[in-house]
């Protein structure tokens, strides 16, 4: 593959990822979800993995520590997330959804599923499988 081809494909990948996030964020605002896409990712991961450390959560949501700390601070203020002292390490905390946070996740899951499905309209199951294979290959190429 030439550099020009690689640049074009990389541009398409970046452009599409940004468009998907922008579309979702617009829908989050329009529907007054009271959270951002990044806050949703944190809450969804906490719902699926109880009592994660901030380091574990940062890895799951692909955020650096300072960014994740800001997101968690906001979610704590909203009453959706609690920090609990880590039992073995007094310098760190475990994160968990509050009952209000669990309720919010349950309320938003179906609406967010509809938002995400918009991106897959007009694609066949075969398209989806090929796309998934390609993305996993790219991810694997860059894994250390």
N, C-alpha and C. Protein backbone atom coordinates (compact mmCIF):
# COMPACT_ATOMS: atom_id res chain seq x y z
N UNK A 1 0.85 -1.17 0.00
CA UNK A 1 0.00 0.00 0.00
C UNK A 1 0.90 1.24 0.00
N UNK A 2 0.54 2.21 -0.81
CA UNK A 2 1.32 3.44 -0.86
C UNK A 2 0.98 4.34 0.33
N UNK A 3 1.83 5.29 0.57
CA UNK A 3 1.60 6.25 1.65
C UNK A 3 0.30 7.02 1.41
N UNK A 4 0.03 7.38 0.18
CA UNK A 4 -1.19 8.13 -0.15
C UNK A 4 -2.44 7.30 0.16
N UNK A 5 -2.41 6.02 -0.21
CA UNK A 5 -3.55 5.15 0.09
C UNK A 5 -3.75 5.02 1.61
N UNK A 6 -2.64 4.79 2.29
CA UNK A 6 -2.69 4.66 3.74
C UNK A 6 -3.27 5.93 4.36
N UNK A 7 -2.83 7.08 3.89
CA UNK A 7 -3.33 8.36 4.41
C UNK A 7 -4.83 8.51 4.18
N UNK A 8 -5.29 8.14 2.99
CA UNK A 8 -6.72 8.24 2.68
C UNK A 8 -7.56 7.34 3.58
N UNK A 9 -7.09 6.10 3.77
CA UNK A 9 -7.84 5.16 4.61
C UNK A 9 -7.80 5.61 6.08
N UNK A 10 -6.68 6.09 6.52
CA UNK A 10 -6.57 6.60 7.90
C UNK A 10 -7.50 7.79 8.10
N UNK A 11 -7.55 8.67 7.10
CA UNK A 11 -8.44 9.82 7.17
C UNK A 11 -9.89 9.36 7.26
N UNK A 12 -10.28 8.38 6.45
CA UNK A 12 -11.65 7.87 6.48
C UNK A 12 -11.99 7.25 7.84
N UNK A 13 -11.06 6.52 8.40
CA UNK A 13 -11.28 5.91 9.71
C UNK A 13 -11.45 6.98 10.78
N UNK A 14 -10.56 7.97 10.80
CA UNK A 14 -10.64 9.06 11.77
C UNK A 14 -11.93 9.87 11.60
N UNK A 15 -12.25 10.20 10.36
CA UNK A 15 -13.44 10.99 10.07
C UNK A 15 -14.70 10.27 10.53
N UNK A 16 -14.76 8.97 10.26
CA UNK A 16 -15.94 8.19 10.64
C UNK A 16 -16.06 8.08 12.16
N UNK A 17 -14.96 7.81 12.83
CA UNK A 17 -14.99 7.72 14.30
C UNK A 17 -15.47 9.03 14.91
N UNK A 18 -14.98 10.15 14.40
CA UNK A 18 -15.40 11.46 14.91
C UNK A 18 -16.87 11.70 14.64
N UNK A 19 -17.34 11.34 13.46
CA UNK A 19 -18.74 11.55 13.10
C UNK A 19 -19.66 10.72 13.99
N UNK A 20 -19.28 9.48 14.27
CA UNK A 20 -20.09 8.63 15.14
C UNK A 20 -20.20 9.26 16.53
N UNK A 21 -19.09 9.74 17.06
CA UNK A 21 -19.11 10.36 18.39
C UNK A 21 -19.91 11.66 18.38
N UNK A 22 -19.74 12.49 17.34
CA UNK A 22 -20.50 13.74 17.24
C UNK A 22 -21.99 13.46 17.16
N UNK A 23 -22.37 12.50 16.35
CA UNK A 23 -23.78 12.14 16.20
C UNK A 23 -24.35 11.70 17.55
N UNK A 24 -23.62 10.84 18.25
CA UNK A 24 -24.09 10.36 19.55
C UNK A 24 -24.21 11.52 20.54
N UNK A 25 -23.21 12.39 20.56
CA UNK A 25 -23.24 13.51 21.50
C UNK A 25 -24.42 14.43 21.22
N UNK A 26 -24.71 14.67 19.94
CA UNK A 26 -25.87 15.49 19.58
C UNK A 26 -27.16 14.85 20.09
N UNK A 27 -27.28 13.57 19.93
CA UNK A 27 -28.48 12.86 20.40
C UNK A 27 -28.56 12.86 21.93
N UNK A 28 -27.42 12.74 22.60
CA UNK A 28 -27.40 12.80 24.06
C UNK A 28 -27.94 14.16 24.53
N UNK A 29 -27.49 15.23 23.87
CA UNK A 29 -27.97 16.58 24.23
C UNK A 29 -29.44 16.76 23.89
N UNK A 30 -29.82 16.37 22.69
CA UNK A 30 -31.20 16.52 22.23
C UNK A 30 -32.17 15.79 23.15
N UNK A 31 -31.80 14.62 23.59
CA UNK A 31 -32.65 13.81 24.46
C UNK A 31 -32.45 14.12 25.94
N UNK A 32 -31.59 15.10 26.24
CA UNK A 32 -31.34 15.54 27.62
C UNK A 32 -31.00 14.37 28.55
N UNK A 33 -29.98 13.61 28.15
CA UNK A 33 -29.55 12.46 28.94
C UNK A 33 -28.84 12.86 30.24
N UNK A 34 -28.38 14.10 30.33
CA UNK A 34 -27.67 14.61 31.51
C UNK A 34 -26.26 14.04 31.67
N UNK A 35 -25.77 13.38 30.64
CA UNK A 35 -24.39 12.90 30.63
C UNK A 35 -23.84 13.01 29.21
N UNK A 36 -22.52 12.92 29.10
CA UNK A 36 -21.86 12.95 27.80
C UNK A 36 -21.58 11.52 27.35
N UNK A 37 -21.13 11.38 26.12
CA UNK A 37 -20.76 10.06 25.60
C UNK A 37 -19.64 9.46 26.45
N UNK A 38 -18.64 10.24 26.80
CA UNK A 38 -17.54 9.72 27.62
C UNK A 38 -18.02 9.31 29.01
N UNK A 39 -18.93 10.07 29.59
CA UNK A 39 -19.49 9.71 30.89
C UNK A 39 -20.29 8.41 30.78
N UNK A 40 -21.01 8.26 29.67
CA UNK A 40 -21.75 7.02 29.44
C UNK A 40 -20.81 5.82 29.39
N UNK A 41 -19.70 5.95 28.68
CA UNK A 41 -18.74 4.83 28.57
C UNK A 41 -18.24 4.41 29.95
N UNK A 42 -17.98 5.39 30.80
CA UNK A 42 -17.53 5.09 32.16
C UNK A 42 -18.64 4.36 32.92
N UNK A 43 -19.85 4.89 32.86
CA UNK A 43 -20.96 4.28 33.60
C UNK A 43 -21.28 2.87 33.08
N UNK A 44 -21.26 2.70 31.77
CA UNK A 44 -21.53 1.39 31.17
C UNK A 44 -20.49 0.37 31.63
N UNK A 45 -19.22 0.77 31.63
CA UNK A 45 -18.17 -0.15 32.06
C UNK A 45 -18.25 -0.46 33.55
N UNK A 46 -18.64 0.51 34.35
CA UNK A 46 -18.82 0.23 35.78
C UNK A 46 -20.02 -0.69 36.00
N UNK A 47 -21.03 -0.56 35.18
CA UNK A 47 -22.19 -1.43 35.27
C UNK A 47 -21.81 -2.88 34.93
N UNK A 48 -20.91 -3.04 33.99
CA UNK A 48 -20.50 -4.37 33.54
C UNK A 48 -19.37 -4.97 34.37
N UNK A 49 -18.62 -4.13 35.09
CA UNK A 49 -17.45 -4.58 35.87
C UNK A 49 -17.46 -3.87 37.21
N UNK A 50 -18.02 -4.49 38.21
CA UNK A 50 -18.19 -3.82 39.49
C UNK A 50 -16.86 -3.60 40.21
N UNK A 51 -16.77 -2.45 40.85
CA UNK A 51 -15.64 -2.07 41.72
C UNK A 51 -14.29 -2.09 41.02
N UNK A 52 -14.21 -1.37 39.94
CA UNK A 52 -12.94 -1.23 39.22
C UNK A 52 -12.10 -0.14 39.87
N UNK A 53 -10.79 -0.29 39.76
CA UNK A 53 -9.91 0.82 40.15
C UNK A 53 -9.92 1.82 39.00
N UNK A 54 -9.47 3.05 39.28
CA UNK A 54 -9.42 4.05 38.22
C UNK A 54 -8.46 3.63 37.12
N UNK A 55 -7.39 2.95 37.47
CA UNK A 55 -6.43 2.48 36.48
C UNK A 55 -7.07 1.44 35.57
N UNK A 56 -7.79 0.50 36.15
CA UNK A 56 -8.47 -0.53 35.35
C UNK A 56 -9.51 0.11 34.43
N UNK A 57 -10.27 1.05 34.98
CA UNK A 57 -11.30 1.71 34.20
C UNK A 57 -10.69 2.55 33.08
N UNK A 58 -9.61 3.26 33.36
CA UNK A 58 -8.94 4.07 32.33
C UNK A 58 -8.53 3.19 31.16
N UNK A 59 -8.02 2.01 31.46
CA UNK A 59 -7.62 1.07 30.41
C UNK A 59 -8.82 0.63 29.57
N UNK A 60 -9.94 0.35 30.23
CA UNK A 60 -11.14 -0.12 29.51
C UNK A 60 -11.75 0.93 28.60
N UNK A 61 -11.68 2.21 29.02
CA UNK A 61 -12.33 3.27 28.24
C UNK A 61 -11.32 4.08 27.41
N UNK A 62 -10.07 3.66 27.40
CA UNK A 62 -9.02 4.30 26.60
C UNK A 62 -8.87 5.79 26.93
N UNK A 63 -8.83 6.10 28.23
CA UNK A 63 -8.63 7.48 28.69
C UNK A 63 -7.39 7.53 29.56
N UNK A 64 -6.70 8.68 29.52
CA UNK A 64 -5.57 8.84 30.44
C UNK A 64 -6.13 9.15 31.83
N UNK A 65 -5.27 9.03 32.84
CA UNK A 65 -5.71 9.20 34.23
C UNK A 65 -6.33 10.58 34.51
N UNK A 66 -5.68 11.69 34.10
CA UNK A 66 -6.28 13.00 34.40
C UNK A 66 -7.68 13.18 33.77
N UNK A 67 -7.84 12.71 32.53
CA UNK A 67 -9.14 12.81 31.86
C UNK A 67 -10.18 11.97 32.59
N UNK A 68 -9.81 10.75 32.94
CA UNK A 68 -10.76 9.88 33.64
C UNK A 68 -11.11 10.47 35.01
N UNK A 69 -10.15 11.03 35.69
CA UNK A 69 -10.42 11.63 37.00
C UNK A 69 -11.46 12.73 36.88
N UNK A 70 -11.33 13.58 35.86
CA UNK A 70 -12.33 14.65 35.65
C UNK A 70 -13.72 14.06 35.38
N UNK A 71 -13.78 13.03 34.56
CA UNK A 71 -15.06 12.40 34.26
C UNK A 71 -15.67 11.81 35.53
N UNK A 72 -14.87 11.09 36.30
CA UNK A 72 -15.36 10.46 37.53
C UNK A 72 -15.79 11.53 38.54
N UNK A 73 -15.04 12.62 38.65
CA UNK A 73 -15.43 13.72 39.55
C UNK A 73 -16.83 14.22 39.21
N UNK A 74 -17.09 14.42 37.93
CA UNK A 74 -18.41 14.90 37.48
C UNK A 74 -19.49 13.88 37.82
N UNK A 75 -19.22 12.62 37.55
CA UNK A 75 -20.22 11.57 37.83
C UNK A 75 -20.47 11.42 39.33
N UNK A 76 -19.45 11.64 40.14
CA UNK A 76 -19.63 11.62 41.60
C UNK A 76 -20.53 12.78 42.04
N UNK A 77 -20.28 13.96 41.49
CA UNK A 77 -21.10 15.12 41.82
C UNK A 77 -22.55 14.91 41.42
N UNK A 78 -22.77 14.21 40.32
CA UNK A 78 -24.14 13.94 39.86
C UNK A 78 -24.80 12.82 40.66
N UNK A 79 -24.01 12.14 41.48
CA UNK A 79 -24.56 11.06 42.30
C UNK A 79 -24.65 9.72 41.60
N UNK A 80 -23.94 9.58 40.47
CA UNK A 80 -24.00 8.33 39.71
C UNK A 80 -22.88 7.35 40.06
N UNK A 81 -21.79 7.85 40.62
CA UNK A 81 -20.62 7.00 40.92
C UNK A 81 -20.13 7.33 42.33
N UNK A 82 -19.65 6.30 43.02
CA UNK A 82 -19.00 6.46 44.33
C UNK A 82 -17.58 5.96 44.25
N UNK A 83 -16.72 6.63 45.01
CA UNK A 83 -15.34 6.15 45.20
C UNK A 83 -15.29 5.50 46.58
N UNK A 84 -14.76 4.27 46.63
CA UNK A 84 -14.60 3.57 47.90
C UNK A 84 -13.11 3.30 48.09
N UNK A 85 -12.59 3.52 49.27
CA UNK A 85 -11.16 3.22 49.49
C UNK A 85 -10.83 1.77 49.11
N UNK A 86 -9.70 1.61 48.44
CA UNK A 86 -9.25 0.27 48.05
C UNK A 86 -8.83 -0.48 49.31
N UNK A 87 -9.26 -1.73 49.49
CA UNK A 87 -8.94 -2.46 50.72
C UNK A 87 -7.45 -2.75 50.93
N UNK A 88 -6.69 -2.90 49.83
CA UNK A 88 -5.27 -3.21 49.96
C UNK A 88 -4.35 -2.02 49.71
N UNK A 89 -4.85 -0.94 49.16
CA UNK A 89 -4.01 0.20 48.80
C UNK A 89 -4.71 1.50 49.20
N UNK A 90 -4.24 2.11 50.28
CA UNK A 90 -4.89 3.32 50.79
C UNK A 90 -4.76 4.51 49.85
N UNK A 91 -3.88 4.41 48.87
CA UNK A 91 -3.69 5.52 47.93
C UNK A 91 -4.67 5.48 46.76
N UNK A 92 -5.40 4.38 46.61
CA UNK A 92 -6.30 4.28 45.45
C UNK A 92 -7.72 3.96 45.90
N UNK A 93 -8.62 4.07 44.93
CA UNK A 93 -10.04 3.86 45.18
C UNK A 93 -10.61 2.85 44.19
N UNK A 94 -11.67 2.23 44.61
CA UNK A 94 -12.49 1.42 43.72
C UNK A 94 -13.69 2.28 43.35
N UNK A 95 -14.17 2.11 42.14
CA UNK A 95 -15.31 2.88 41.66
C UNK A 95 -16.51 1.97 41.50
N UNK A 96 -17.68 2.47 41.87
CA UNK A 96 -18.88 1.70 41.63
C UNK A 96 -20.06 2.62 41.38
N UNK A 97 -21.01 2.11 40.63
CA UNK A 97 -22.23 2.87 40.36
C UNK A 97 -23.08 2.92 41.62
N UNK A 98 -23.67 4.06 41.86
CA UNK A 98 -24.65 4.18 42.93
C UNK A 98 -25.96 3.59 42.41
N UNK A 99 -26.96 3.49 43.28
CA UNK A 99 -28.26 3.00 42.82
C UNK A 99 -28.82 3.95 41.78
N UNK A 100 -28.57 5.25 41.94
CA UNK A 100 -29.00 6.24 40.95
C UNK A 100 -28.28 6.02 39.62
N UNK A 101 -27.00 5.68 39.69
CA UNK A 101 -26.22 5.40 38.49
C UNK A 101 -26.72 4.16 37.77
N UNK A 102 -27.05 3.12 38.54
CA UNK A 102 -27.58 1.89 37.93
C UNK A 102 -28.93 2.15 37.27
N UNK A 103 -29.74 2.97 37.92
CA UNK A 103 -31.04 3.33 37.36
C UNK A 103 -30.86 4.10 36.05
N UNK A 104 -29.89 5.02 36.04
CA UNK A 104 -29.61 5.82 34.84
C UNK A 104 -29.16 4.93 33.69
N UNK A 105 -28.26 4.00 33.97
CA UNK A 105 -27.78 3.08 32.93
C UNK A 105 -28.94 2.26 32.37
N UNK A 106 -29.78 1.74 33.25
CA UNK A 106 -30.93 0.96 32.80
C UNK A 106 -31.89 1.78 31.95
N UNK A 107 -32.06 3.03 32.32
CA UNK A 107 -32.95 3.93 31.57
C UNK A 107 -32.39 4.26 30.18
N UNK A 108 -31.07 4.45 30.11
CA UNK A 108 -30.46 4.91 28.86
C UNK A 108 -30.08 3.80 27.88
N UNK A 109 -29.85 2.59 28.36
CA UNK A 109 -29.39 1.50 27.48
C UNK A 109 -30.21 1.36 26.20
N UNK A 110 -31.54 1.28 26.28
CA UNK A 110 -32.30 1.09 25.04
C UNK A 110 -32.19 2.30 24.10
N UNK A 111 -32.17 3.50 24.66
CA UNK A 111 -32.07 4.70 23.82
C UNK A 111 -30.71 4.79 23.14
N UNK A 112 -29.67 4.42 23.86
CA UNK A 112 -28.33 4.47 23.30
C UNK A 112 -28.14 3.37 22.26
N UNK A 113 -28.77 2.23 22.47
CA UNK A 113 -28.72 1.17 21.46
C UNK A 113 -29.33 1.67 20.15
N UNK A 114 -30.42 2.41 20.21
CA UNK A 114 -31.04 2.96 19.00
C UNK A 114 -30.11 3.96 18.32
N UNK A 115 -29.44 4.79 19.11
CA UNK A 115 -28.51 5.77 18.55
C UNK A 115 -27.37 5.04 17.82
N UNK A 116 -26.85 4.01 18.44
CA UNK A 116 -25.74 3.27 17.83
C UNK A 116 -26.17 2.52 16.58
N UNK A 117 -27.40 2.05 16.55
CA UNK A 117 -27.88 1.30 15.39
C UNK A 117 -27.96 2.17 14.15
N UNK A 118 -28.10 3.48 14.33
CA UNK A 118 -28.18 4.39 13.19
C UNK A 118 -26.93 4.24 12.31
N UNK A 119 -25.78 4.09 12.92
CA UNK A 119 -24.54 3.97 12.16
C UNK A 119 -24.50 2.69 11.32
N UNK A 120 -25.25 1.67 11.71
CA UNK A 120 -25.20 0.38 11.02
C UNK A 120 -26.32 0.22 10.00
N UNK A 121 -27.18 1.24 9.86
CA UNK A 121 -28.25 1.15 8.86
C UNK A 121 -27.65 0.88 7.48
N UNK A 122 -28.36 0.13 6.69
CA UNK A 122 -27.98 -0.18 5.31
C UNK A 122 -26.74 -1.06 5.19
N UNK A 123 -26.31 -1.65 6.28
CA UNK A 123 -25.21 -2.61 6.23
C UNK A 123 -25.76 -4.00 6.51
N UNK A 124 -25.23 -4.97 5.80
CA UNK A 124 -25.66 -6.35 6.01
C UNK A 124 -24.87 -6.96 7.15
N UNK A 125 -25.30 -8.11 7.58
CA UNK A 125 -24.57 -8.83 8.62
C UNK A 125 -23.16 -9.17 8.11
N UNK A 126 -23.07 -9.49 6.84
CA UNK A 126 -21.76 -9.80 6.24
C UNK A 126 -20.85 -8.56 6.25
N UNK A 127 -21.42 -7.37 5.93
CA UNK A 127 -20.66 -6.12 6.02
C UNK A 127 -20.12 -5.92 7.43
N UNK A 128 -21.00 -6.12 8.39
CA UNK A 128 -20.62 -5.93 9.79
C UNK A 128 -19.50 -6.87 10.20
N UNK A 129 -19.62 -8.13 9.82
CA UNK A 129 -18.59 -9.12 10.18
C UNK A 129 -17.24 -8.77 9.55
N UNK A 130 -17.25 -8.33 8.30
CA UNK A 130 -16.01 -7.95 7.62
C UNK A 130 -15.40 -6.71 8.27
N UNK A 131 -16.25 -5.76 8.59
CA UNK A 131 -15.79 -4.53 9.26
C UNK A 131 -15.15 -4.87 10.61
N UNK A 132 -15.81 -5.74 11.36
CA UNK A 132 -15.28 -6.15 12.67
C UNK A 132 -13.93 -6.84 12.51
N UNK A 133 -13.83 -7.71 11.50
CA UNK A 133 -12.57 -8.42 11.25
C UNK A 133 -11.46 -7.43 10.93
N UNK A 134 -11.74 -6.46 10.08
CA UNK A 134 -10.73 -5.47 9.70
C UNK A 134 -10.30 -4.63 10.91
N UNK A 135 -11.27 -4.15 11.68
CA UNK A 135 -10.92 -3.35 12.85
C UNK A 135 -10.11 -4.16 13.86
N UNK A 136 -10.48 -5.42 14.07
CA UNK A 136 -9.71 -6.26 15.00
C UNK A 136 -8.30 -6.50 14.49
N UNK A 137 -8.15 -6.63 13.18
CA UNK A 137 -6.81 -6.81 12.60
C UNK A 137 -5.96 -5.55 12.83
N UNK A 138 -6.55 -4.38 12.56
CA UNK A 138 -5.82 -3.13 12.78
C UNK A 138 -5.44 -3.01 14.25
N UNK A 139 -6.38 -3.29 15.13
CA UNK A 139 -6.11 -3.20 16.57
C UNK A 139 -4.99 -4.17 16.96
N UNK A 140 -5.07 -5.40 16.46
CA UNK A 140 -4.03 -6.39 16.74
C UNK A 140 -2.66 -5.99 16.23
N UNK A 141 -2.62 -5.34 15.07
CA UNK A 141 -1.36 -4.88 14.51
C UNK A 141 -0.67 -3.88 15.43
N UNK A 142 -1.49 -3.13 16.18
CA UNK A 142 -0.94 -2.06 17.02
C UNK A 142 -0.81 -2.46 18.49
N UNK A 143 -1.29 -3.64 18.85
CA UNK A 143 -1.20 -4.09 20.24
C UNK A 143 0.25 -4.41 20.56
N UNK A 144 0.58 -4.11 21.77
CA UNK A 144 1.99 -4.38 22.19
C UNK A 144 2.09 -5.62 23.02
